[in-house]
Amino acid sequence: MPSARRKHVPMRTCAGCREVTGKRQMVRIVRTPQGIEIDPTGKKAGRGMYLHRDPDCWRKGINGAVAHALRVELTDADRALLTTYLEDLINEEKGQSTLT
């Protein structure tokens, strides 16, 4: 009897903690000509990188891991975007999510 096929799970490395995890468990950040964007679909064109939904990983990302992985200098607007998402993650942990 043939065994059931296992579905392939794409693995990605978190730029914050360097842990390898399934890409669906992380948030993708992508570099676009307009700056960086958070890519909830994981399908936007551009150079991308991943972070866990852990505030510690996002703090490391804001402090340099994102800029290094995306090969870009973060602007004030980019930092504001990442900081806002970090605050949403912290609120989510406390049960007060503002994410939709």
C-alpha atoms as a PDB file:
ATOM      1  CA  MET A   1       0.000   0.000   0.000  1.00  0.00           C
ATOM      2  CA  PRO A   2       1.498   3.398  -0.970  1.00  0.00           C
ATOM      3  CA  SER A   3       2.248   5.740   1.890  1.00  0.00           C
ATOM      4  CA  ALA A   4       0.563   9.142   2.069  1.00  0.00           C
ATOM      5  CA  ARG A   5       2.628  11.924   0.549  1.00  0.00           C
ATOM      6  CA  ARG A   6       3.869  14.613   2.856  1.00  0.00           C
ATOM      7  CA  LYS A   7       3.170  18.145   1.744  1.00  0.00           C
ATOM      8  CA  HIS A   8       6.300  20.217   1.194  1.00  0.00           C
ATOM      9  CA  VAL A   9       6.670  22.960   3.811  1.00  0.00           C
ATOM     10  CA  PRO A  10       8.863  25.864   2.641  1.00  0.00           C
ATOM     11  CA  MET A  11      11.420  26.728   5.316  1.00  0.00           C
ATOM     12  CA  ARG A  12      12.859  30.190   5.924  1.00  0.00           C
ATOM     13  CA  THR A  13      15.394  31.678   8.333  1.00  0.00           C
ATOM     14  CA  CYS A  14      14.323  34.417  10.732  1.00  0.00           C
ATOM     15  CA  ALA A  15      16.706  37.379  10.361  1.00  0.00           C
ATOM     16  CA  GLY A  16      16.230  38.216  14.039  1.00  0.00           C
ATOM     17  CA  CYS A  17      17.078  34.935  15.786  1.00  0.00           C
ATOM     18  CA  ARG A  18      18.454  32.917  12.818  1.00  0.00           C
ATOM     19  CA  GLU A  19      16.089  30.005  13.556  1.00  0.00           C
ATOM     20  CA  VAL A  20      14.755  28.035  10.565  1.00  0.00           C
ATOM     21  CA  THR A  21      10.954  27.652  10.595  1.00  0.00           C
ATOM     22  CA  GLY A  22       8.106  27.151   8.165  1.00  0.00           C
ATOM     23  CA  LYS A  23       7.552  30.359   6.226  1.00  0.00           C
ATOM     24  CA  ARG A  24       3.842  30.531   7.120  1.00  0.00           C
ATOM     25  CA  GLN A  25       4.785  31.019  10.775  1.00  0.00           C
ATOM     26  CA  MET A  26       6.733  34.194   9.980  1.00  0.00           C
ATOM     27  CA  VAL A  27       6.139  37.655   8.576  1.00  0.00           C
ATOM     28  CA  ARG A  28       7.791  38.622   5.286  1.00  0.00           C
ATOM     29  CA  ILE A  29       9.266  42.057   4.785  1.00  0.00           C
ATOM     30  CA  VAL A  30      10.059  43.090   1.227  1.00  0.00           C
ATOM     31  CA  ARG A  31      12.165  45.867  -0.306  1.00  0.00           C
ATOM     32  CA  THR A  32      10.317  47.831  -2.980  1.00  0.00           C
ATOM     33  CA  PRO A  33      11.266  50.989  -4.895  1.00  0.00           C
ATOM     34  CA  GLN A  34       8.981  52.919  -2.499  1.00  0.00           C
ATOM     35  CA  GLY A  35      10.727  51.560   0.620  1.00  0.00           C
ATOM     36  CA  ILE A  36      10.118  48.487   2.711  1.00  0.00           C
ATOM     37  CA  GLU A  37       6.691  46.910   3.125  1.00  0.00           C
ATOM     38  CA  ILE A  38       5.235  44.170   5.272  1.00  0.00           C
ATOM     39  CA  ASP A  39       4.039  41.447   2.918  1.00  0.00           C
ATOM     40  CA  PRO A  40       1.223  39.418   4.511  1.00  0.00           C
ATOM     41  CA  THR A  41       0.727  37.322   1.349  1.00  0.00           C
ATOM     42  CA  GLY A  42       4.403  36.427   0.991  1.00  0.00           C
ATOM     43  CA  LYS A  43       4.131  36.932  -2.771  1.00  0.00           C
ATOM     44  CA  LYS A  44       5.120  40.550  -3.481  1.00  0.00           C
ATOM     45  CA  ALA A  45       7.944  41.094  -5.930  1.00  0.00           C
ATOM     46  CA  GLY A  46      11.238  42.256  -4.507  1.00  0.00           C
ATOM     47  CA  ARG A  47      13.990  41.182  -2.170  1.00  0.00           C
ATOM     48  CA  GLY A  48      12.410  39.715   0.926  1.00  0.00           C
ATOM     49  CA  MET A  49      13.311  38.511   4.391  1.00  0.00           C
ATOM     50  CA  TYR A  50      11.437  36.943   7.291  1.00  0.00           C
ATOM     51  CA  LEU A  51      10.940  37.578  11.001  1.00  0.00           C
ATOM     52  CA  HIS A  52       9.051  35.540  13.589  1.00  0.00           C
ATOM     53  CA  ARG A  53       6.003  37.120  15.190  1.00  0.00           C
ATOM     54  CA  ASP A  54       8.117  37.526  18.322  1.00  0.00           C
ATOM     55  CA  PRO A  55       8.786  41.075  19.603  1.00  0.00           C
ATOM     56  CA  ASP A  56      12.431  40.152  20.339  1.00  0.00           C
ATOM     57  CA  CYS A  57      13.001  39.199  16.694  1.00  0.00           C
ATOM     58  CA  TRP A  58      11.420  42.485  15.574  1.00  0.00           C
ATOM     59  CA  ARG A  59      13.636  44.503  17.941  1.00  0.00           C
ATOM     60  CA  LYS A  60      16.710  42.842  16.437  1.00  0.00           C
ATOM     61  CA  GLY A  61      15.285  43.524  12.981  1.00  0.00           C
ATOM     62  CA  ILE A  62      14.793  47.217  13.667  1.00  0.00           C
ATOM     63  CA  ASN A  63      18.317  47.427  15.093  1.00  0.00           C
ATOM     64  CA  GLY A  64      19.949  46.254  11.888  1.00  0.00           C
ATOM     65  CA  ALA A  65      18.917  42.771  10.767  1.00  0.00           C
ATOM     66  CA  VAL A  66      16.299  44.085   8.311  1.00  0.00           C
ATOM     67  CA  ALA A  67      18.678  46.611   6.741  1.00  0.00           C
ATOM     68  CA  HIS A  68      21.390  43.973   6.402  1.00  0.00           C
ATOM     69  CA  ALA A  69      19.102  41.270   4.963  1.00  0.00           C
ATOM     70  CA  LEU A  70      17.415  43.624   2.482  1.00  0.00           C
ATOM     71  CA  ARG A  71      20.686  45.383   1.616  1.00  0.00           C
ATOM     72  CA  VAL A  72      19.162  48.806   2.205  1.00  0.00           C
ATOM     73  CA  GLU A  73      19.550  51.754   4.571  1.00  0.00           C
ATOM     74  CA  LEU A  74      16.333  52.113   6.603  1.00  0.00           C
ATOM     75  CA  THR A  75      14.585  55.470   6.333  1.00  0.00           C
ATOM     76  CA  ASP A  76      12.654  57.071   9.175  1.00  0.00           C
ATOM     77  CA  ALA A  77       9.420  55.923   7.486  1.00  0.00           C
ATOM     78  CA  ASP A  78      10.739  52.340   7.300  1.00  0.00           C
ATOM     79  CA  ARG A  79      11.647  52.390  10.997  1.00  0.00           C
ATOM     80  CA  ALA A  80       8.212  53.819  11.850  1.00  0.00           C
ATOM     81  CA  LEU A  81       6.515  50.992   9.914  1.00  0.00           C
ATOM     82  CA  LEU A  82       8.553  48.327  11.728  1.00  0.00           C
ATOM     83  CA  THR A  83       8.055  49.980  15.120  1.00  0.00           C
ATOM     84  CA  THR A  84       4.286  50.174  14.586  1.00  0.00           C
ATOM     85  CA  TYR A  85       4.177  46.483  13.721  1.00  0.00           C
ATOM     86  CA  LEU A  86       6.300  45.703  16.804  1.00  0.00           C
ATOM     87  CA  GLU A  87       3.848  47.633  18.999  1.00  0.00           C
ATOM     88  CA  ASP A  88       0.968  45.671  17.457  1.00  0.00           C
ATOM     89  CA  LEU A  89       2.772  42.397  18.272  1.00  0.00           C
ATOM     90  CA  ILE A  90       3.266  43.497  21.879  1.00  0.00           C
ATOM     91  CA  ASN A  91      -0.408  44.486  22.150  1.00  0.00           C
ATOM     92  CA  GLU A  92      -1.411  41.160  20.578  1.00  0.00           C
ATOM     93  CA  GLU A  93       0.539  39.327  23.286  1.00  0.00           C
ATOM     94  CA  LYS A  94      -1.381  41.302  25.898  1.00  0.00           C
ATOM     95  CA  GLY A  95      -4.680  40.483  24.173  1.00  0.00           C
ATOM     96  CA  GLN A  96      -5.258  44.008  22.858  1.00  0.00           C
ATOM     97  CA  SER A  97      -4.524  43.532  19.169  1.00  0.00           C
ATOM     98  CA  THR A  98      -5.031  46.434  16.780  1.00  0.00           C
ATOM     99  CA  LEU A  99      -4.174  44.252  13.772  1.00  0.00           C
ATOM    100  CA  THR A 100      -6.984  43.482  11.361  1.00  0.00           C
END
